């Protein structure tokens, strides 16, 4: 919407604005995907390095690793005796898995997935960018600037409210926050 508003404010033709909106949608989606892929892949690399380091520590000093896991469970509220029993049982079953989950906060269910993150980010951007593009296609050229800006603010308010409700926060605050920053970006 910010790109379309900027080009429309320069009094470009409607076809130029639509081409710009399409280019912005494609470029933005690709940029978001690339950035997300790199970021999440870096996270995956860090997780792998942490797991490799933990695997080496388990191989060289399993007693110290057992004490470390026991201390984690004591810190969570177990008695030292129960924490030691839990630590011993979990390490006997899957020592690396126990340390990954409870020491490193790494689990298979929450593991970094770079391709999935990139595709999701690209799709989310494209869906969001399609809304101002659609308005640019159907709005009369004389009111295109105001139609895109106004509809984008309405879309942003709705998305902010939905996101806030999904997260259990105030819908009004969520809508206001997203609308304010969207308006500032378009300005």
C-alpha atoms as a PDB file:
ATOM      1  CA  UNK A   1       0.000   0.000   0.000  1.00  0.00           C
ATOM      2  CA  UNK A   2       2.846   2.410   0.811  1.00  0.00           C
ATOM      3  CA  UNK A   3       4.433   1.828  -2.587  1.00  0.00           C
ATOM      4  CA  UNK A   4       1.125   2.230  -4.429  1.00  0.00           C
ATOM      5  CA  UNK A   5       0.273   5.395  -2.477  1.00  0.00           C
ATOM      6  CA  UNK A   6       3.709   6.829  -3.238  1.00  0.00           C
ATOM      7  CA  UNK A   7       3.421   6.163  -6.955  1.00  0.00           C
ATOM      8  CA  UNK A   8      -0.195   7.379  -7.041  1.00  0.00           C
ATOM      9  CA  UNK A   9       0.812  10.585  -5.236  1.00  0.00           C
ATOM     10  CA  UNK A  10       3.236  11.270  -8.092  1.00  0.00           C
ATOM     11  CA  UNK A  11       0.154  11.377 -10.337  1.00  0.00           C
ATOM     12  CA  UNK A  12       1.182   8.351 -12.367  1.00  0.00           C
ATOM     13  CA  UNK A  13      -1.245   6.641 -14.717  1.00  0.00           C
ATOM     14  CA  UNK A  14      -3.425   3.864 -13.383  1.00  0.00           C
ATOM     15  CA  UNK A  15      -1.612   1.280 -15.504  1.00  0.00           C
ATOM     16  CA  UNK A  16       1.743   2.416 -14.091  1.00  0.00           C
ATOM     17  CA  UNK A  17       0.324   2.175 -10.567  1.00  0.00           C
ATOM     18  CA  UNK A  18      -1.026  -1.333 -11.193  1.00  0.00           C
ATOM     19  CA  UNK A  19       2.280  -2.506 -12.703  1.00  0.00           C
ATOM     20  CA  UNK A  20       4.076  -0.996  -9.712  1.00  0.00           C
ATOM     21  CA  UNK A  21       1.698  -2.798  -7.335  1.00  0.00           C
ATOM     22  CA  UNK A  22       2.298  -6.135  -9.075  1.00  0.00           C
ATOM     23  CA  UNK A  23       6.062  -5.582  -9.034  1.00  0.00           C
ATOM     24  CA  UNK A  24       5.883  -4.597  -5.351  1.00  0.00           C
ATOM     25  CA  UNK A  25       3.877  -7.718  -4.543  1.00  0.00           C
ATOM     26  CA  UNK A  26       6.351 -10.023  -6.294  1.00  0.00           C
ATOM     27  CA  UNK A  27       9.475  -8.244  -5.057  1.00  0.00           C
ATOM     28  CA  UNK A  28       8.146  -7.952  -1.516  1.00  0.00           C
ATOM     29  CA  UNK A  29       7.106 -11.603  -1.353  1.00  0.00           C
ATOM     30  CA  UNK A  30      10.487 -12.731  -2.670  1.00  0.00           C
ATOM     31  CA  UNK A  31      12.344 -10.405  -0.316  1.00  0.00           C
ATOM     32  CA  UNK A  32      10.337 -11.593   2.690  1.00  0.00           C
ATOM     33  CA  UNK A  33      10.898 -15.227   1.689  1.00  0.00           C
ATOM     34  CA  UNK A  34      14.639 -14.735   1.247  1.00  0.00           C
ATOM     35  CA  UNK A  35      14.996 -12.877   4.540  1.00  0.00           C
ATOM     36  CA  UNK A  36      12.945 -15.437   6.423  1.00  0.00           C
ATOM     37  CA  UNK A  37      14.862 -18.332   4.875  1.00  0.00           C
ATOM     38  CA  UNK A  38      18.228 -16.837   5.827  1.00  0.00           C
ATOM     39  CA  UNK A  39      17.075 -15.967   9.334  1.00  0.00           C
ATOM     40  CA  UNK A  40      15.464 -19.318  10.102  1.00  0.00           C
ATOM     41  CA  UNK A  41      18.333 -21.224   8.476  1.00  0.00           C
ATOM     42  CA  UNK A  42      20.730 -19.370  10.790  1.00  0.00           C
ATOM     43  CA  UNK A  43      18.547 -20.441  13.708  1.00  0.00           C
ATOM     44  CA  UNK A  44      18.656 -24.054  12.458  1.00  0.00           C
ATOM     45  CA  UNK A  45      22.458 -23.850  12.192  1.00  0.00           C
ATOM     46  CA  UNK A  46      22.646 -22.590  15.779  1.00  0.00           C
ATOM     47  CA  UNK A  47      20.366 -25.394  16.987  1.00  0.00           C
ATOM     48  CA  UNK A  48      22.515 -27.977  15.186  1.00  0.00           C
ATOM     49  CA  UNK A  49      25.712 -26.540  16.680  1.00  0.00           C
ATOM     50  CA  UNK A  50      24.147 -26.568  20.158  1.00  0.00           C
ATOM     51  CA  UNK A  51      23.087 -30.198  19.723  1.00  0.00           C
ATOM     52  CA  UNK A  52      26.552 -31.183  18.459  1.00  0.00           C
ATOM     53  CA  UNK A  53      28.149 -29.488  21.473  1.00  0.00           C
ATOM     54  CA  UNK A  54      25.695 -31.186  23.845  1.00  0.00           C
ATOM     55  CA  UNK A  55      26.350 -34.572  22.207  1.00  0.00           C
ATOM     56  CA  UNK A  56      30.100 -34.086  22.779  1.00  0.00           C
ATOM     57  CA  UNK A  57      29.567 -33.047  26.411  1.00  0.00           C
ATOM     58  CA  UNK A  58      27.410 -36.129  27.019  1.00  0.00           C
ATOM     59  CA  UNK A  59      30.131 -38.333  25.554  1.00  0.00           C
ATOM     60  CA  UNK A  60      32.972 -36.786  27.572  1.00  0.00           C
ATOM     61  CA  UNK A  61      31.318 -36.094  30.955  1.00  0.00           C
ATOM     62  CA  UNK A  62      27.899 -37.727  31.375  1.00  0.00           C
ATOM     63  CA  UNK A  63      27.986 -37.288  35.185  1.00  0.00           C
ATOM     64  CA  UNK A  64      28.310 -33.518  34.889  1.00  0.00           C
ATOM     65  CA  UNK A  65      25.501 -33.484  32.346  1.00  0.00           C
ATOM     66  CA  UNK A  66      23.304 -35.512  34.717  1.00  0.00           C
ATOM     67  CA  UNK A  67      24.011 -32.996  37.506  1.00  0.00           C
ATOM     68  CA  UNK A  68      23.175 -30.160  35.130  1.00  0.00           C
ATOM     69  CA  UNK A  69      19.847 -31.725  34.171  1.00  0.00           C
ATOM     70  CA  UNK A  70      19.053 -32.446  37.824  1.00  0.00           C
ATOM     71  CA  UNK A  71      19.705 -28.793  38.693  1.00  0.00           C
ATOM     72  CA  UNK A  72      17.312 -27.710  35.937  1.00  0.00           C
ATOM     73  CA  UNK A  73      14.544 -29.858  37.427  1.00  0.00           C
ATOM     74  CA  UNK A  74      15.255 -28.633  40.954  1.00  0.00           C
ATOM     75  CA  UNK A  75      15.000 -25.092  39.593  1.00  0.00           C
ATOM     76  CA  UNK A  76      11.572 -25.976  38.223  1.00  0.00           C
ATOM     77  CA  UNK A  77      10.383 -27.075  41.637  1.00  0.00           C
ATOM     78  CA  UNK A  78      11.190 -30.782  42.022  1.00  0.00           C
ATOM     79  CA  UNK A  79      12.878 -32.050  45.156  1.00  0.00           C
ATOM     80  CA  UNK A  80      16.550 -32.884  44.627  1.00  0.00           C
ATOM     81  CA  UNK A  81      15.806 -36.600  45.030  1.00  0.00           C
ATOM     82  CA  UNK A  82      12.977 -36.617  42.494  1.00  0.00           C
ATOM     83  CA  UNK A  83      14.946 -34.382  40.132  1.00  0.00           C
ATOM     84  CA  UNK A  84      17.843 -36.851  40.231  1.00  0.00           C
ATOM     85  CA  UNK A  85      15.484 -39.766  39.515  1.00  0.00           C
ATOM     86  CA  UNK A  86      13.822 -37.933  36.627  1.00  0.00           C
ATOM     87  CA  UNK A  87      17.203 -36.936  35.226  1.00  0.00           C
ATOM     88  CA  UNK A  88      18.515 -40.511  35.452  1.00  0.00           C
ATOM     89  CA  UNK A  89      15.428 -41.996  33.783  1.00  0.00           C
ATOM     90  CA  UNK A  90      15.298 -39.445  30.992  1.00  0.00           C
ATOM     91  CA  UNK A  91      19.014 -39.749  30.285  1.00  0.00           C
ATOM     92  CA  UNK A  92      18.729 -43.556  30.219  1.00  0.00           C
ATOM     93  CA  UNK A  93      15.926 -43.259  27.668  1.00  0.00           C
ATOM     94  CA  UNK A  94      17.285 -40.409  25.487  1.00  0.00           C
ATOM     95  CA  UNK A  95      20.009 -38.285  27.036  1.00  0.00           C
ATOM     96  CA  UNK A  96      20.453 -35.957  24.076  1.00  0.00           C
ATOM     97  CA  UNK A  97      16.695 -35.483  23.710  1.00  0.00           C
ATOM     98  CA  UNK A  98      16.325 -34.620  27.413  1.00  0.00           C
ATOM     99  CA  UNK A  99      19.130 -32.067  27.281  1.00  0.00           C
ATOM    100  CA  UNK A 100      17.926 -30.647  23.964  1.00  0.00           C
ATOM    101  CA  UNK A 101      14.431 -30.123  25.315  1.00  0.00           C
ATOM    102  CA  UNK A 102      15.115 -29.056  28.903  1.00  0.00           C
ATOM    103  CA  UNK A 103      18.521 -27.360  28.695  1.00  0.00           C
ATOM    104  CA  UNK A 104      18.573 -25.948  25.159  1.00  0.00           C
ATOM    105  CA  UNK A 105      14.815 -25.529  24.579  1.00  0.00           C
ATOM    106  CA  UNK A 106      15.120 -27.365  21.266  1.00  0.00           C
ATOM    107  CA  UNK A 107      12.487 -29.901  20.270  1.00  0.00           C
ATOM    108  CA  UNK A 108      11.603 -31.590  16.982  1.00  0.00           C
ATOM    109  CA  UNK A 109       8.143 -30.008  17.050  1.00  0.00           C
ATOM    110  CA  UNK A 110       9.620 -26.520  17.345  1.00  0.00           C
ATOM    111  CA  UNK A 111      12.694 -27.049  15.176  1.00  0.00           C
ATOM    112  CA  UNK A 112      13.554 -24.343  12.681  1.00  0.00           C
ATOM    113  CA  UNK A 113      12.194 -25.090   9.194  1.00  0.00           C
ATOM    114  CA  UNK A 114      13.663 -22.556   6.758  1.00  0.00           C
ATOM    115  CA  UNK A 115      11.723 -23.543   3.624  1.00  0.00           C
ATOM    116  CA  UNK A 116       8.401 -23.653   5.448  1.00  0.00           C
ATOM    117  CA  UNK A 117       9.099 -20.256   7.029  1.00  0.00           C
ATOM    118  CA  UNK A 118      10.089 -18.754   3.673  1.00  0.00           C
ATOM    119  CA  UNK A 119       6.985 -20.033   1.889  1.00  0.00           C
ATOM    120  CA  UNK A 120       4.703 -18.878   4.699  1.00  0.00           C
ATOM    121  CA  UNK A 121       6.287 -15.440   4.749  1.00  0.00           C
ATOM    122  CA  UNK A 122       6.032 -15.076   0.967  1.00  0.00           C
ATOM    123  CA  UNK A 123       2.402 -16.178   0.949  1.00  0.00           C
ATOM    124  CA  UNK A 124       1.473 -13.865   3.828  1.00  0.00           C
ATOM    125  CA  UNK A 125       3.090 -10.901   2.118  1.00  0.00           C
ATOM    126  CA  UNK A 126       1.463 -11.703  -1.218  1.00  0.00           C
ATOM    127  CA  UNK A 127      -1.985 -11.982   0.357  1.00  0.00           C
ATOM    128  CA  UNK A 128      -1.527  -8.669   2.151  1.00  0.00           C
ATOM    129  CA  UNK A 129      -0.175  -6.971  -0.964  1.00  0.00           C
ATOM    130  CA  UNK A 130      -3.027  -8.332  -3.094  1.00  0.00           C
ATOM    131  CA  UNK A 131      -5.535  -6.181  -1.223  1.00  0.00           C
ATOM    132  CA  UNK A 132      -4.144  -2.772  -2.288  1.00  0.00           C
ATOM    133  CA  UNK A 133      -3.420  -4.215  -5.736  1.00  0.00           C
ATOM    134  CA  UNK A 134      -7.069  -5.185  -6.131  1.00  0.00           C
ATOM    135  CA  UNK A 135      -8.181  -1.715  -5.085  1.00  0.00           C
ATOM    136  CA  UNK A 136      -5.711  -0.142  -7.544  1.00  0.00           C
ATOM    137  CA  UNK A 137      -7.204  -2.242 -10.332  1.00  0.00           C
ATOM    138  CA  UNK A 138     -10.863  -1.399  -9.627  1.00  0.00           C
ATOM    139  CA  UNK A 139     -10.742   2.165  -8.239  1.00  0.00           C
ATOM    140  CA  UNK A 140     -11.253   5.074 -10.594  1.00  0.00           C
ATOM    141  CA  UNK A 141      -7.981   6.809 -11.441  1.00  0.00           C
ATOM    142  CA  UNK A 142      -9.205  10.106  -9.983  1.00  0.00           C
ATOM    143  CA  UNK A 143      -9.672   8.660  -6.497  1.00  0.00           C
ATOM    144  CA  UNK A 144      -7.114   5.846  -6.575  1.00  0.00           C
ATOM    145  CA  UNK A 145      -4.772   7.455  -4.042  1.00  0.00           C
ATOM    146  CA  UNK A 146      -7.512   7.864  -1.441  1.00  0.00           C
ATOM    147  CA  UNK A 147      -9.143   4.528  -2.225  1.00  0.00           C
ATOM    148  CA  UNK A 148      -5.890   2.602  -1.736  1.00  0.00           C
ATOM    149  CA  UNK A 149      -4.892   4.493   1.410  1.00  0.00           C
ATOM    150  CA  UNK A 150      -8.359   4.276   2.952  1.00  0.00           C
ATOM    151  CA  UNK A 151      -8.934   0.623   2.141  1.00  0.00           C
ATOM    152  CA  UNK A 152      -5.439  -0.279   3.324  1.00  0.00           C
ATOM    153  CA  UNK A 153      -6.134   1.362   6.671  1.00  0.00           C
ATOM    154  CA  UNK A 154      -9.419  -0.527   6.977  1.00  0.00           C
ATOM    155  CA  UNK A 155      -7.683  -3.806   6.062  1.00  0.00           C
ATOM    156  CA  UNK A 156      -4.905  -3.085   8.560  1.00  0.00           C
ATOM    157  CA  UNK A 157      -7.388  -2.307  11.326  1.00  0.00           C
ATOM    158  CA  UNK A 158      -9.248  -5.546  10.648  1.00  0.00           C
ATOM    159  CA  UNK A 159      -6.056  -7.610  10.530  1.00  0.00           C
ATOM    160  CA  UNK A 160      -4.765  -5.957  13.708  1.00  0.00           C
ATOM    161  CA  UNK A 161      -8.034  -6.710  15.503  1.00  0.00           C
ATOM    162  CA  UNK A 162      -8.064 -10.327  14.310  1.00  0.00           C
ATOM    163  CA  UNK A 163      -4.422 -10.830  15.322  1.00  0.00           C
ATOM    164  CA  UNK A 164      -5.082  -9.333  18.753  1.00  0.00           C
ATOM    165  CA  UNK A 165      -8.172 -11.469  19.288  1.00  0.00           C
ATOM    166  CA  UNK A 166      -6.272 -14.589  18.219  1.00  0.00           C
ATOM    167  CA  UNK A 167      -3.573 -13.766  20.757  1.00  0.00           C
ATOM    168  CA  UNK A 168      -6.078 -12.913  23.499  1.00  0.00           C
ATOM    169  CA  UNK A 169      -5.198  -9.203  23.559  1.00  0.00           C
ATOM    170  CA  UNK A 170      -7.383  -6.130  23.201  1.00  0.00           C
ATOM    171  CA  UNK A 171      -8.793  -5.935  19.690  1.00  0.00           C
ATOM    172  CA  UNK A 172      -8.999  -2.131  19.849  1.00  0.00           C
ATOM    173  CA  UNK A 173      -5.360  -1.788  20.866  1.00  0.00           C
ATOM    174  CA  UNK A 174      -4.263  -4.270  18.184  1.00  0.00           C
ATOM    175  CA  UNK A 175      -6.275  -2.501  15.501  1.00  0.00           C
ATOM    176  CA  UNK A 176      -5.025   0.938  16.555  1.00  0.00           C
ATOM    177  CA  UNK A 177      -1.370  -0.129  16.668  1.00  0.00           C
ATOM    178  CA  UNK A 178      -1.362  -1.700  13.198  1.00  0.00           C
ATOM    179  CA  UNK A 179      -3.423   1.124  11.691  1.00  0.00           C
ATOM    180  CA  UNK A 180      -1.183   3.818  13.218  1.00  0.00           C
ATOM    181  CA  UNK A 181       2.033   2.281  11.892  1.00  0.00           C
ATOM    182  CA  UNK A 182       0.448   1.562   8.520  1.00  0.00           C
ATOM    183  CA  UNK A 183      -0.695   5.178   8.234  1.00  0.00           C
ATOM    184  CA  UNK A 184       2.756   6.357   9.204  1.00  0.00           C
ATOM    185  CA  UNK A 185       4.324   4.103   6.560  1.00  0.00           C
ATOM    186  CA  UNK A 186       1.986   5.418   3.876  1.00  0.00           C
ATOM    187  CA  UNK A 187       2.541   9.017   4.962  1.00  0.00           C
END
